[in-house]
C-alpha atoms as a PDB file:
ATOM      1  CA  MET A   1     102.811  74.804  81.632  1.00  0.00           C
ATOM      2  CA  PRO A   2     101.174  71.352  82.040  1.00  0.00           C
ATOM      3  CA  GLU A   3      98.220  70.479  79.831  1.00  0.00           C
ATOM      4  CA  PHE A   4      95.104  69.171  81.535  1.00  0.00           C
ATOM      5  CA  GLY A   5      93.135  68.169  78.473  1.00  0.00           C
ATOM      6  CA  ALA A   6      89.460  68.905  78.019  1.00  0.00           C
ATOM      7  CA  VAL A   7      88.252  69.268  81.601  1.00  0.00           C
ATOM      8  CA  ASP A   8      84.739  70.728  81.725  1.00  0.00           C
ATOM      9  CA  ASP A   9      84.314  70.739  85.510  1.00  0.00           C
ATOM     10  CA  PRO A  10      85.860  73.987  86.917  1.00  0.00           C
ATOM     11  CA  HIS A  11      86.352  72.331  90.311  1.00  0.00           C
ATOM     12  CA  GLU A  12      88.166  69.346  88.779  1.00  0.00           C
ATOM     13  CA  LEU A  13      90.331  71.693  86.720  1.00  0.00           C
ATOM     14  CA  ALA A  14      91.240  73.633  89.878  1.00  0.00           C
ATOM     15  CA  VAL A  15      92.119  70.380  91.678  1.00  0.00           C
ATOM     16  CA  GLN A  16      94.348  69.254  88.816  1.00  0.00           C
ATOM     17  CA  ARG A  17      96.131  72.594  88.724  1.00  0.00           C
ATOM     18  CA  LEU A  18      96.655  72.466  92.484  1.00  0.00           C
ATOM     19  CA  LYS A  19      98.101  68.953  92.271  1.00  0.00           C
ATOM     20  CA  SER A  20     100.412  70.113  89.495  1.00  0.00           C
ATOM     21  CA  THR A  21     101.565  73.060  91.623  1.00  0.00           C
ATOM     22  CA  PHE A  22     102.380  70.840  94.591  1.00  0.00           C
ATOM     23  CA  ALA A  23     104.169  68.324  92.349  1.00  0.00           C
ATOM     24  CA  GLY A  24     106.286  71.128  90.911  1.00  0.00           C
ATOM     25  CA  ARG A  25     107.188  72.440  94.367  1.00  0.00           C
ATOM     26  CA  ARG A  26     108.204  68.979  95.584  1.00  0.00           C
ATOM     27  CA  ARG A  27     110.301  68.402  92.476  1.00  0.00           C
ATOM     28  CA  ARG A  28     112.096  71.751  92.737  1.00  0.00           C
ATOM     29  CA  THR A  29     112.718  71.273  96.450  1.00  0.00           C
ATOM     30  CA  ALA A  30     114.030  67.720  96.004  1.00  0.00           C
ATOM     31  CA  ASP A  31     116.371  68.838  93.212  1.00  0.00           C
ATOM     32  CA  ALA A  32     117.716  71.682  95.351  1.00  0.00           C
ATOM     33  CA  LEU A  33     118.309  69.439  98.377  1.00  0.00           C
ATOM     34  CA  ALA A  34     120.091  66.858  96.252  1.00  0.00           C
ATOM     35  CA  ALA A  35     122.200  69.554  94.579  1.00  0.00           C
ATOM     36  CA  ASP A  36     123.323  70.774  98.013  1.00  0.00           C
ATOM     37  CA  GLY A  37     124.449  67.282  98.946  1.00  0.00           C
ATOM     38  CA  PHE A  38     121.610  66.144 101.175  1.00  0.00           C
ATOM     39  CA  SER A  39     120.452  62.529 101.121  1.00  0.00           C
ATOM     40  CA  THR A  40     117.947  62.912 103.965  1.00  0.00           C
ATOM     41  CA  VAL A  41     116.303  65.998 105.436  1.00  0.00           C
ATOM     42  CA  LEU A  42     114.127  66.236 108.527  1.00  0.00           C
ATOM     43  CA  ILE A  43     111.501  68.988 108.127  1.00  0.00           C
ATOM     44  CA  ILE A  44     109.817  70.160 111.339  1.00  0.00           C
ATOM     45  CA  ASP A  45     107.624  72.946 110.050  1.00  0.00           C
ATOM     46  CA  ARG A  46     103.904  72.598 109.396  1.00  0.00           C
ATOM     47  CA  TRP A  47     103.873  75.556 106.979  1.00  0.00           C
ATOM     48  CA  VAL A  48     106.593  74.059 104.798  1.00  0.00           C
ATOM     49  CA  TRP A  49     104.725  70.756 104.610  1.00  0.00           C
ATOM     50  CA  ASN A  50     101.519  72.598 103.732  1.00  0.00           C
ATOM     51  CA  TRP A  51     103.431  74.467 101.011  1.00  0.00           C
ATOM     52  CA  LEU A  52     104.501  71.080  99.653  1.00  0.00           C
ATOM     53  CA  GLY A  53     100.891  69.862  99.712  1.00  0.00           C
ATOM     54  CA  PHE A  54     100.884  67.704 102.858  1.00  0.00           C
ATOM     55  CA  THR A  55      98.651  68.201 105.886  1.00  0.00           C
ATOM     56  CA  CYS A  56     101.247  67.467 108.572  1.00  0.00           C
ATOM     57  CA  GLU A  57     103.850  69.249 110.660  1.00  0.00           C
ATOM     58  CA  ALA A  58     106.864  66.941 110.386  1.00  0.00           C
ATOM     59  CA  GLY A  59     108.477  64.274 108.242  1.00  0.00           C
ATOM     60  CA  LEU A  60     111.457  63.314 106.098  1.00  0.00           C
ATOM     61  CA  TRP A  61     112.653  63.739 102.565  1.00  0.00           C
ATOM     62  CA  HIS A  62     114.683  60.577 101.948  1.00  0.00           C
ATOM     63  CA  ASP A  63     115.882  58.787  98.826  1.00  0.00           C
ATOM     64  CA  GLY A  64     113.878  61.173  96.651  1.00  0.00           C
ATOM     65  CA  GLU A  65     110.612  60.555  98.500  1.00  0.00           C
ATOM     66  CA  TRP A  66     108.559  62.684 100.873  1.00  0.00           C
ATOM     67  CA  ARG A  67     107.590  60.819 104.036  1.00  0.00           C
ATOM     68  CA  PRO A  68     105.230  62.694 106.381  1.00  0.00           C
ATOM     69  CA  ALA A  69     105.294  61.397 109.953  1.00  0.00           C
ATOM     70  CA  ALA A  70     104.667  62.384 113.550  1.00  0.00           C
ATOM     71  CA  LYS A  71     107.371  64.717 114.842  1.00  0.00           C
ATOM     72  CA  ALA A  72     108.877  62.215 117.300  1.00  0.00           C
ATOM     73  CA  ASP A  73     108.921  59.433 114.690  1.00  0.00           C
ATOM     74  CA  ALA A  74     110.476  61.739 112.105  1.00  0.00           C
ATOM     75  CA  ILE A  75     113.269  62.806 114.482  1.00  0.00           C
ATOM     76  CA  THR A  76     113.988  59.184 115.426  1.00  0.00           C
ATOM     77  CA  LYS A  77     114.145  58.100 111.765  1.00  0.00           C
ATOM     78  CA  CYS A  78     116.364  61.064 110.942  1.00  0.00           C
ATOM     79  CA  PHE A  79     118.951  59.958 113.511  1.00  0.00           C
ATOM     80  CA  GLU A  80     118.867  56.428 112.088  1.00  0.00           C
ATOM     81  CA  GLN A  81     119.926  57.576 108.615  1.00  0.00           C
ATOM     82  CA  ASP A  82     123.441  57.351 107.255  1.00  0.00           C
ATOM     83  CA  GLY A  83     124.947  59.756 104.774  1.00  0.00           C
ATOM     84  CA  SER A  84     124.410  63.499 104.489  1.00  0.00           C
ATOM     85  CA  VAL A  85     121.521  64.324 106.780  1.00  0.00           C
ATOM     86  CA  GLY A  86     119.943  67.762 107.244  1.00  0.00           C
ATOM     87  CA  TRP A  87     117.078  69.380 109.081  1.00  0.00           C
ATOM     88  CA  THR A  88     114.990  72.520 108.902  1.00  0.00           C
ATOM     89  CA  GLY A  89     112.185  74.078 110.909  1.00  0.00           C
ATOM     90  CA  HIS A  90     111.460  75.090 114.469  1.00  0.00           C
ATOM     91  CA  ALA A  91     113.138  72.951 117.133  1.00  0.00           C
ATOM     92  CA  LEU A  92     114.100  73.358 120.786  1.00  0.00           C
ATOM     93  CA  PRO A  93     117.719  74.442 121.524  1.00  0.00           C
ATOM     94  CA  GLU A  94     118.568  71.026 122.995  1.00  0.00           C
ATOM     95  CA  ALA A  95     117.334  69.354 119.803  1.00  0.00           C
ATOM     96  CA  ILE A  96     119.475  71.692 117.705  1.00  0.00           C
ATOM     97  CA  GLN A  97     122.504  70.794 119.847  1.00  0.00           C
ATOM     98  CA  ALA A  98     121.742  67.101 119.368  1.00  0.00           C
ATOM     99  CA  PHE A  99     121.510  67.596 115.602  1.00  0.00           C
ATOM    100  CA  ALA A 100     124.877  69.369 115.542  1.00  0.00           C
ATOM    101  CA  ALA A 101     126.513  66.680 117.690  1.00  0.00           C
ATOM    102  CA  ARG A 102     125.378  64.002 115.254  1.00  0.00           C
ATOM    103  CA  GLY A 103     126.527  65.938 112.203  1.00  0.00           C
ATOM    104  CA  VAL A 104     123.014  66.819 111.028  1.00  0.00           C
ATOM    105  CA  ARG A 105     123.360  69.939 108.853  1.00  0.00           C
ATOM    106  CA  ASP A 106     120.984  72.879 108.710  1.00  0.00           C
ATOM    107  CA  ALA A 107     119.103  72.704 105.392  1.00  0.00           C
ATOM    108  CA  ASP A 108     117.014  75.808 105.985  1.00  0.00           C
ATOM    109  CA  ALA A 109     119.018  77.951 103.542  1.00  0.00           C
ATOM    110  CA  THR A 110     118.287  75.480 100.735  1.00  0.00           C
ATOM    111  CA  LEU A 111     114.534  75.535 101.338  1.00  0.00           C
ATOM    112  CA  ARG A 112     114.556  79.325 101.587  1.00  0.00           C
ATOM    113  CA  LYS A 113     116.273  79.594  98.206  1.00  0.00           C
ATOM    114  CA  VAL A 114     113.636  77.333  96.626  1.00  0.00           C
ATOM    115  CA  ARG A 115     110.844  79.493  98.055  1.00  0.00           C
ATOM    116  CA  GLU A 116     112.363  82.758  96.796  1.00  0.00           C
ATOM    117  CA  ILE A 117     110.496  82.525  93.501  1.00  0.00           C
ATOM    118  CA  LYS A 118     106.739  82.343  93.953  1.00  0.00           C
ATOM    119  CA  ASP A 119     104.545  80.267  91.659  1.00  0.00           C
ATOM    120  CA  ASP A 120     101.051  81.229  90.526  1.00  0.00           C
ATOM    121  CA  LEU A 121      99.385  79.718  93.591  1.00  0.00           C
ATOM    122  CA  ASP A 122     101.788  81.535  95.923  1.00  0.00           C
ATOM    123  CA  LEU A 123     100.957  84.847  94.267  1.00  0.00           C
ATOM    124  CA  ILE A 124      97.208  84.233  94.427  1.00  0.00           C
ATOM    125  CA  LEU A 125      97.370  83.380  98.142  1.00  0.00           C
ATOM    126  CA  LEU A 126      99.752  86.224  99.013  1.00  0.00           C
ATOM    127  CA  ARG A 127      97.671  88.783  97.112  1.00  0.00           C
ATOM    128  CA  ARG A 128      94.476  87.537  98.770  1.00  0.00           C
ATOM    129  CA  ALA A 129      96.013  87.661 102.256  1.00  0.00           C
ATOM    130  CA  ALA A 130      97.571  91.091 101.660  1.00  0.00           C
ATOM    131  CA  GLN A 131      94.274  92.512 100.380  1.00  0.00           C
ATOM    132  CA  HIS A 132      92.397  91.084 103.375  1.00  0.00           C
ATOM    133  CA  HIS A 133      94.935  92.593 105.777  1.00  0.00           C
ATOM    134  CA  ALA A 134      95.020  95.933 103.936  1.00  0.00           C
ATOM    135  CA  ALA A 135      91.216  96.197 103.957  1.00  0.00           C
ATOM    136  CA  ALA A 136      91.217  95.849 107.746  1.00  0.00           C
ATOM    137  CA  LEU A 137      93.932  98.487 108.127  1.00  0.00           C
ATOM    138  CA  ASP A 138      92.140 100.861 105.762  1.00  0.00           C
ATOM    139  CA  SER A 139      88.929 100.609 107.791  1.00  0.00           C
ATOM    140  CA  LEU A 140      90.701 101.076 111.132  1.00  0.00           C
ATOM    141  CA  THR A 141      89.805 104.291 112.939  1.00  0.00           C
ATOM    142  CA  VAL A 142      92.482 105.748 115.218  1.00  0.00           C
ATOM    143  CA  THR A 143      91.682 108.647 117.550  1.00  0.00           C
ATOM    144  CA  VAL A 144      93.928 110.746 119.763  1.00  0.00           C
ATOM    145  CA  ALA A 145      92.213 109.269 122.828  1.00  0.00           C
ATOM    146  CA  ALA A 146      93.184 105.687 121.935  1.00  0.00           C
ATOM    147  CA  THR A 147      96.059 103.808 123.545  1.00  0.00           C
ATOM    148  CA  SER A 148      98.467 101.719 121.491  1.00  0.00           C
ATOM    149  CA  ARG A 149      96.957  98.573 123.041  1.00  0.00           C
ATOM    150  CA  GLU A 150      93.455  99.651 122.042  1.00  0.00           C
ATOM    151  CA  VAL A 151      94.599 100.283 118.473  1.00  0.00           C
ATOM    152  CA  VAL A 152      95.849  96.684 118.161  1.00  0.00           C
ATOM    153  CA  GLN A 153      92.697  95.308 119.794  1.00  0.00           C
ATOM    154  CA  GLU A 154      90.539  97.283 117.336  1.00  0.00           C
ATOM    155  CA  LEU A 155      92.541  95.921 114.389  1.00  0.00           C
ATOM    156  CA  GLU A 156      91.994  92.381 115.640  1.00  0.00           C
ATOM    157  CA  ARG A 157      88.263  93.064 116.025  1.00  0.00           C
ATOM    158  CA  VAL A 158      88.052  94.424 112.460  1.00  0.00           C
ATOM    159  CA  LEU A 159      89.941  91.423 111.071  1.00  0.00           C
ATOM    160  CA  PHE A 160      87.649  88.947 112.799  1.00  0.00           C
ATOM    161  CA  GLY A 161      84.669  90.945 111.601  1.00  0.00           C
ATOM    162  CA  GLN A 162      85.895  90.418 108.022  1.00  0.00           C
ATOM    163  CA  GLY A 163      85.987  86.657 108.510  1.00  0.00           C
ATOM    164  CA  TRP A 164      89.649  86.220 109.447  1.00  0.00           C
ATOM    165  CA  GLU A 165      90.098  82.962 111.336  1.00  0.00           C
ATOM    166  CA  GLY A 166      93.844  82.758 111.232  1.00  0.00           C
ATOM    167  CA  THR A 167      96.621  83.848 113.560  1.00  0.00           C
ATOM    168  CA  TRP A 168      99.121  86.687 113.657  1.00  0.00           C
ATOM    169  CA  SER A 169     102.313  85.923 111.737  1.00  0.00           C
ATOM    170  CA  PHE A 170     104.104  87.874 114.486  1.00  0.00           C
ATOM    171  CA  ASP A 171     103.001  89.864 117.538  1.00  0.00           C
ATOM    172  CA  PRO A 172     101.639  93.210 116.304  1.00  0.00           C
ATOM    173  CA  SER A 173     103.279  96.447 117.388  1.00  0.00           C
ATOM    174  CA  ALA A 174     101.682  99.907 117.659  1.00  0.00           C
ATOM    175  CA  PRO A 175     104.376 102.382 118.728  1.00  0.00           C
ATOM    176  CA  VAL A 176     103.113 105.802 119.723  1.00  0.00           C
ATOM    177  CA  ASP A 177     105.268 108.926 119.306  1.00  0.00           C
ATOM    178  CA  GLY A 178     107.603 107.296 116.781  1.00  0.00           C
ATOM    179  CA  GLN A 179     108.848 104.803 119.375  1.00  0.00           C
ATOM    180  CA  HIS A 180     109.752 102.229 116.713  1.00  0.00           C
ATOM    181  CA  SER A 181     113.052 100.708 117.770  1.00  0.00           C
ATOM    182  CA  VAL A 182     115.126  97.629 117.108  1.00  0.00           C
ATOM    183  CA  ASP A 183     113.735  96.227 120.379  1.00  0.00           C
ATOM    184  CA  TRP A 184     110.102  95.273 119.805  1.00  0.00           C
ATOM    185  CA  TYR A 185     107.574  97.755 121.122  1.00  0.00           C
ATOM    186  CA  ASN A 186     104.729  96.056 122.980  1.00  0.00           C
ATOM    187  CA  PRO A 187     101.330  97.798 122.855  1.00  0.00           C
ATOM    188  CA  ASP A 188     100.575  99.461 126.181  1.00  0.00           C
ATOM    189  CA  ALA A 189      98.480 102.232 127.767  1.00  0.00           C
ATOM    190  CA  THR A 190     100.372 105.094 126.092  1.00  0.00           C
ATOM    191  CA  ARG A 191      97.817 107.399 124.471  1.00  0.00           C
ATOM    192  CA  VAL A 192      98.092 108.661 120.919  1.00  0.00           C
ATOM    193  CA  ASP A 193      97.393 112.229 122.056  1.00  0.00           C
ATOM    194  CA  SER A 194     100.748 112.299 123.840  1.00  0.00           C
ATOM    195  CA  CYS A 195     102.136 113.379 120.487  1.00  0.00           C
ATOM    196  CA  GLY A 196      99.563 112.646 117.802  1.00  0.00           C
ATOM    197  CA  ILE A 197     101.079 109.837 115.704  1.00  0.00           C
ATOM    198  CA  VAL A 198     100.919 106.040 115.745  1.00  0.00           C
ATOM    199  CA  SER A 199     102.053 103.324 113.361  1.00  0.00           C
ATOM    200  CA  VAL A 200     100.824  99.738 113.341  1.00  0.00           C
ATOM    201  CA  ASP A 201     103.204  96.976 112.271  1.00  0.00           C
ATOM    202  CA  SER A 202     101.259  93.733 111.928  1.00  0.00           C
ATOM    203  CA  GLY A 203     101.094  90.505 109.985  1.00  0.00           C
ATOM    204  CA  ILE A 204      98.497  87.769 109.590  1.00  0.00           C
ATOM    205  CA  ARG A 205      98.557  84.148 108.499  1.00  0.00           C
ATOM    206  CA  LEU A 206      95.890  83.233 105.998  1.00  0.00           C
ATOM    207  CA  GLN A 207      95.683  79.971 104.018  1.00  0.00           C
ATOM    208  CA  GLY A 208      99.277  79.092 104.858  1.00  0.00           C
ATOM    209  CA  VAL A 209     100.972  82.368 103.863  1.00  0.00           C
ATOM    210  CA  CYS A 210     102.011  85.471 105.795  1.00  0.00           C
ATOM    211  CA  THR A 211     101.614  89.201 105.448  1.00  0.00           C
ATOM    212  CA  ASP A 212     103.658  92.030 106.971  1.00  0.00           C
ATOM    213  CA  LEU A 213     102.297  95.581 106.673  1.00  0.00           C
ATOM    214  CA  THR A 214     102.898  98.872 108.474  1.00  0.00           C
ATOM    215  CA  ARG A 215     100.548 101.841 108.304  1.00  0.00           C
ATOM    216  CA  ILE A 216     100.826 105.327 109.834  1.00  0.00           C
ATOM    217  CA  TRP A 217      98.013 107.410 111.385  1.00  0.00           C
ATOM    218  CA  VAL A 218      98.343 111.068 112.335  1.00  0.00           C
ATOM    219  CA  PRO A 219      95.140 111.964 114.232  1.00  0.00           C
ATOM    220  CA  GLY A 220      96.823 114.741 116.230  1.00  0.00           C
ATOM    221  CA  ASP A 221      99.319 117.577 115.810  1.00  0.00           C
ATOM    222  CA  ILE A 222     102.897 116.664 114.949  1.00  0.00           C
ATOM    223  CA  SER A 223     106.022 118.669 114.152  1.00  0.00           C
ATOM    224  CA  ALA A 224     106.839 119.915 110.661  1.00  0.00           C
ATOM    225  CA  GLU A 225     109.808 117.523 110.580  1.00  0.00           C
ATOM    226  CA  ALA A 226     107.569 114.568 111.417  1.00  0.00           C
ATOM    227  CA  LYS A 227     105.036 115.588 108.755  1.00  0.00           C
ATOM    228  CA  ALA A 228     107.818 115.753 106.159  1.00  0.00           C
ATOM    229  CA  ALA A 229     109.107 112.349 107.288  1.00  0.00           C
ATOM    230  CA  VAL A 230     105.669 110.733 106.891  1.00  0.00           C
ATOM    231  CA  GLN A 231     105.458 112.028 103.319  1.00  0.00           C
ATOM    232  CA  LEU A 232     109.069 111.036 102.653  1.00  0.00           C
ATOM    233  CA  VAL A 233     108.730 107.373 103.640  1.00  0.00           C
ATOM    234  CA  GLU A 234     105.816 106.981 101.230  1.00  0.00           C
ATOM    235  CA  GLY A 235     107.940 108.516  98.464  1.00  0.00           C
ATOM    236  CA  VAL A 236     110.860 106.259  99.360  1.00  0.00           C
ATOM    237  CA  MET A 237     108.549 103.246  99.223  1.00  0.00           C
ATOM    238  CA  ASP A 238     107.550 104.227  95.677  1.00  0.00           C
ATOM    239  CA  GLU A 239     111.248 104.552  94.757  1.00  0.00           C
ATOM    240  CA  LEU A 240     112.041 101.138  96.226  1.00  0.00           C
ATOM    241  CA  ALA A 241     109.050  99.560  94.499  1.00  0.00           C
ATOM    242  CA  ASP A 242     110.052 101.042  91.139  1.00  0.00           C
ATOM    243  CA  GLY A 243     113.455  99.409  91.544  1.00  0.00           C
ATOM    244  CA  LEU A 244     112.025  95.912  92.071  1.00  0.00           C
ATOM    245  CA  ARG A 245     112.910  94.765  88.564  1.00  0.00           C
ATOM    246  CA  PRO A 246     114.464  91.444  87.493  1.00  0.00           C
ATOM    247  CA  GLY A 247     118.258  91.600  87.248  1.00  0.00           C
ATOM    248  CA  ARG A 248     118.860  94.445  89.708  1.00  0.00           C
ATOM    249  CA  GLU A 249     120.960  93.934  92.821  1.00  0.00           C
ATOM    250  CA  ALA A 250     119.242  94.536  96.147  1.00  0.00           C
ATOM    251  CA  ARG A 251     121.927  96.976  97.307  1.00  0.00           C
ATOM    252  CA  SER A 252     121.464  99.078  94.172  1.00  0.00           C
ATOM    253  CA  VAL A 253     117.760  99.507  94.918  1.00  0.00           C
ATOM    254  CA  VAL A 254     118.531 100.381  98.543  1.00  0.00           C
ATOM    255  CA  SER A 255     121.196 102.887  97.490  1.00  0.00           C
ATOM    256  CA  ASP A 256     118.640 104.857  95.452  1.00  0.00           C
ATOM    257  CA  ALA A 257     116.254 104.934  98.418  1.00  0.00           C
ATOM    258  CA  MET A 258     118.966 106.026 100.860  1.00  0.00           C
ATOM    259  CA  SER A 259     119.889 108.897  98.546  1.00  0.00           C
ATOM    260  CA  MET A 260     116.307 110.203  98.736  1.00  0.00           C
ATOM    261  CA  ILE A 261     116.452 110.155 102.534  1.00  0.00           C
ATOM    262  CA  THR A 262     119.808 111.903 102.867  1.00  0.00           C
ATOM    263  CA  GLN A 263     118.821 114.526 100.285  1.00  0.00           C
ATOM    264  CA  ALA A 264     115.892 115.359 102.569  1.00  0.00           C
ATOM    265  CA  ASP A 265     118.373 115.962 105.446  1.00  0.00           C
ATOM    266  CA  LEU A 266     117.138 112.896 107.328  1.00  0.00           C
ATOM    267  CA  GLN A 267     118.816 109.629 108.241  1.00  0.00           C
ATOM    268  CA  PRO A 268     117.712 106.042 107.526  1.00  0.00           C
ATOM    269  CA  ALA A 269     116.432 104.330 110.667  1.00  0.00           C
ATOM    270  CA  PRO A 270     119.407 102.357 112.038  1.00  0.00           C
ATOM    271  CA  GLY A 271     119.238  98.608 112.493  1.00  0.00           C
ATOM    272  CA  ILE A 272     116.278  98.105 110.142  1.00  0.00           C
ATOM    273  CA  ALA A 273     116.533  96.570 106.649  1.00  0.00           C
ATOM    274  CA  PHE A 274     114.737  98.270 103.767  1.00  0.00           C
ATOM    275  CA  GLY A 275     112.849  95.083 103.003  1.00  0.00           C
ATOM    276  CA  HIS A 276     112.686  91.296 103.030  1.00  0.00           C
ATOM    277  CA  GLY A 277     111.073  88.401 101.217  1.00  0.00           C
ATOM    278  CA  ILE A 278     107.842  86.881 102.512  1.00  0.00           C
ATOM    279  CA  GLY A 279     105.809  83.740 101.867  1.00  0.00           C
ATOM    280  CA  VAL A 280     105.054  80.793 104.131  1.00  0.00           C
ATOM    281  CA  GLU A 281     107.295  82.542 106.645  1.00  0.00           C
ATOM    282  CA  VAL A 282     107.229  86.214 107.494  1.00  0.00           C
ATOM    283  CA  HIS A 283     110.944  86.648 106.765  1.00  0.00           C
ATOM    284  CA  GLU A 284     112.297  84.966 103.659  1.00  0.00           C
ATOM    285  CA  LEU A 285     114.890  85.805 101.016  1.00  0.00           C
ATOM    286  CA  PRO A 286     115.862  88.181  99.526  1.00  0.00           C
ATOM    287  CA  VAL A 287     116.855  90.854 102.055  1.00  0.00           C
ATOM    288  CA  LEU A 288     117.029  94.497 100.973  1.00  0.00           C
ATOM    289  CA  THR A 289     120.104  95.961 102.666  1.00  0.00           C
ATOM    290  CA  SER A 290     122.915  98.243 101.551  1.00  0.00           C
ATOM    291  CA  ASP A 291     125.380  95.334 101.443  1.00  0.00           C
ATOM    292  CA  SER A 292     123.176  92.658  99.836  1.00  0.00           C
ATOM    293  CA  SER A 293     124.393  91.461  96.439  1.00  0.00           C
ATOM    294  CA  ALA A 294     121.258  89.336  95.940  1.00  0.00           C
ATOM    295  CA  GLU A 295     119.926  89.558  92.392  1.00  0.00           C
ATOM    296  CA  LEU A 296     116.219  90.268  92.154  1.00  0.00           C
ATOM    297  CA  ARG A 297     114.310  87.760  90.039  1.00  0.00           C
ATOM    298  CA  GLU A 298     110.827  87.806  88.591  1.00  0.00           C
ATOM    299  CA  GLY A 299     108.310  86.260  90.960  1.00  0.00           C
ATOM    300  CA  MET A 300     110.029  87.234  94.206  1.00  0.00           C
ATOM    301  CA  VAL A 301     107.663  88.811  96.739  1.00  0.00           C
ATOM    302  CA  VAL A 302     109.206  91.495  98.923  1.00  0.00           C
ATOM    303  CA  CYS A 303     108.008  93.549 101.869  1.00  0.00           C
ATOM    304  CA  VAL A 304     109.353  97.058 101.322  1.00  0.00           C
ATOM    305  CA  GLU A 305     109.767  98.917 104.637  1.00  0.00           C
ATOM    306  CA  PRO A 306     111.625 102.242 104.431  1.00  0.00           C
ATOM    307  CA  GLY A 307     112.228 104.014 107.720  1.00  0.00           C
ATOM    308  CA  VAL A 308     113.751 107.342 108.757  1.00  0.00           C
ATOM    309  CA  GLN A 309     115.017 108.691 112.056  1.00  0.00           C
ATOM    310  CA  LEU A 310     114.200 112.228 113.135  1.00  0.00           C
ATOM    311  CA  SER A 311     116.442 114.593 115.075  1.00  0.00           C
ATOM    312  CA  SER A 312     114.385 113.752 118.173  1.00  0.00           C
ATOM    313  CA  GLY A 313     115.247 110.072 117.789  1.00  0.00           C
ATOM    314  CA  TRP A 314     111.747 109.159 116.594  1.00  0.00           C
ATOM    315  CA  ARG A 315     111.461 106.632 113.816  1.00  0.00           C
ATOM    316  CA  ILE A 316     108.847 106.802 111.084  1.00  0.00           C
ATOM    317  CA  ARG A 317     108.280 103.694 108.977  1.00  0.00           C
ATOM    318  CA  SER A 318     105.806 102.345 106.444  1.00  0.00           C
ATOM    319  CA  GLU A 319     105.577  98.955 104.753  1.00  0.00           C
ATOM    320  CA  GLY A 320     103.916  97.317 101.763  1.00  0.00           C
ATOM    321  CA  MET A 321     104.106  94.034  99.821  1.00  0.00           C
ATOM    322  CA  PHE A 322     105.280  93.884  96.201  1.00  0.00           C
ATOM    323  CA  VAL A 323     106.090  91.269  93.563  1.00  0.00           C
ATOM    324  CA  VAL A 324     109.241  91.714  91.471  1.00  0.00           C
ATOM    325  CA  GLN A 325     108.315  92.118  87.802  1.00  0.00           C
ATOM    326  CA  ASP A 326     109.252  93.937  84.611  1.00  0.00           C
ATOM    327  CA  GLY A 327     108.419  97.609  84.921  1.00  0.00           C
ATOM    328  CA  GLY A 328     108.808  97.711  88.701  1.00  0.00           C
ATOM    329  CA  GLY A 329     107.203  96.081  91.698  1.00  0.00           C
ATOM    330  CA  GLY A 330     103.511  95.221  91.524  1.00  0.00           C
ATOM    331  CA  ARG A 331     101.761  96.085  94.780  1.00  0.00           C
ATOM    332  CA  LEU A 332      99.853  93.256  96.441  1.00  0.00           C
ATOM    333  CA  ASP A 333      98.375  95.028  99.479  1.00  0.00           C
ATOM    334  CA  LEU A 334      95.782  97.139  97.736  1.00  0.00           C
ATOM    335  CA  ALA A 335      92.373  96.515  99.259  1.00  0.00           C
ATOM    336  CA  LYS A 336      89.663  95.630  96.756  1.00  0.00           C
END
């Protein structure tokens, strides 16, 4: 932990700590890129640059230095470099093809590995964003007369009413009647009273980080099996969260959760992971699947999202955000 000396001004102390955080992130990222054999990396991702402490959307890491630049200039300079060149971020398919043709490697996996472990600032921002999002969900009123589109519109209204000025981290979904599927469900005019249950899967961007939460509402009558499934997914989430301890393998945690589901004579929802990392992007490492050998480490932040499939084909799912720590996952999405 760096020492800042006797700084009396709280604002100046905060600025110094922030500068130290950004310096540490840049150092760790540069070391990781060099260790993976990169001499130059083109980064086309505004959120990554913000995470590194730059207010830009593109630039290069070259010869140990960070060089923010306009996107076009950065791409041109990238192609002019010799040696082991990489890139990461969001680019058009034709640009990706051009990178591959010139031998420019994808460096995204390296940056994702660096961002697996969250620092103090990451955790502060993620907790703040998760609490803001959770508070909006907790105050959302869902009636049987509402349509799935109206539910999403009401959530957006509540968020803006709480001072949210950001954007969605992905398009929100509000499946009615357990219509959660691998194909994204777009909010439409289907009414909740068609079967009495709706879940909202949504995520917001706030101060450069993402959230991803799913909540379930049951304003109408549902079957006994569906009621049991709603209670079960919350219990499975607690089981998953308890397993988020440093040193455990992801597949071991998932195995315990799957056992709870099968013992209840239900099946895990097919095609959906039990969780994933989150940070400046909505999907980061690690991934919680039955075949993932990833070792959980202290400071990882994971979205836990257990889901079950009913005999009718319906899918019931819930989701929360947790930090890996001794004693089990610490929940971040608890509204103040």
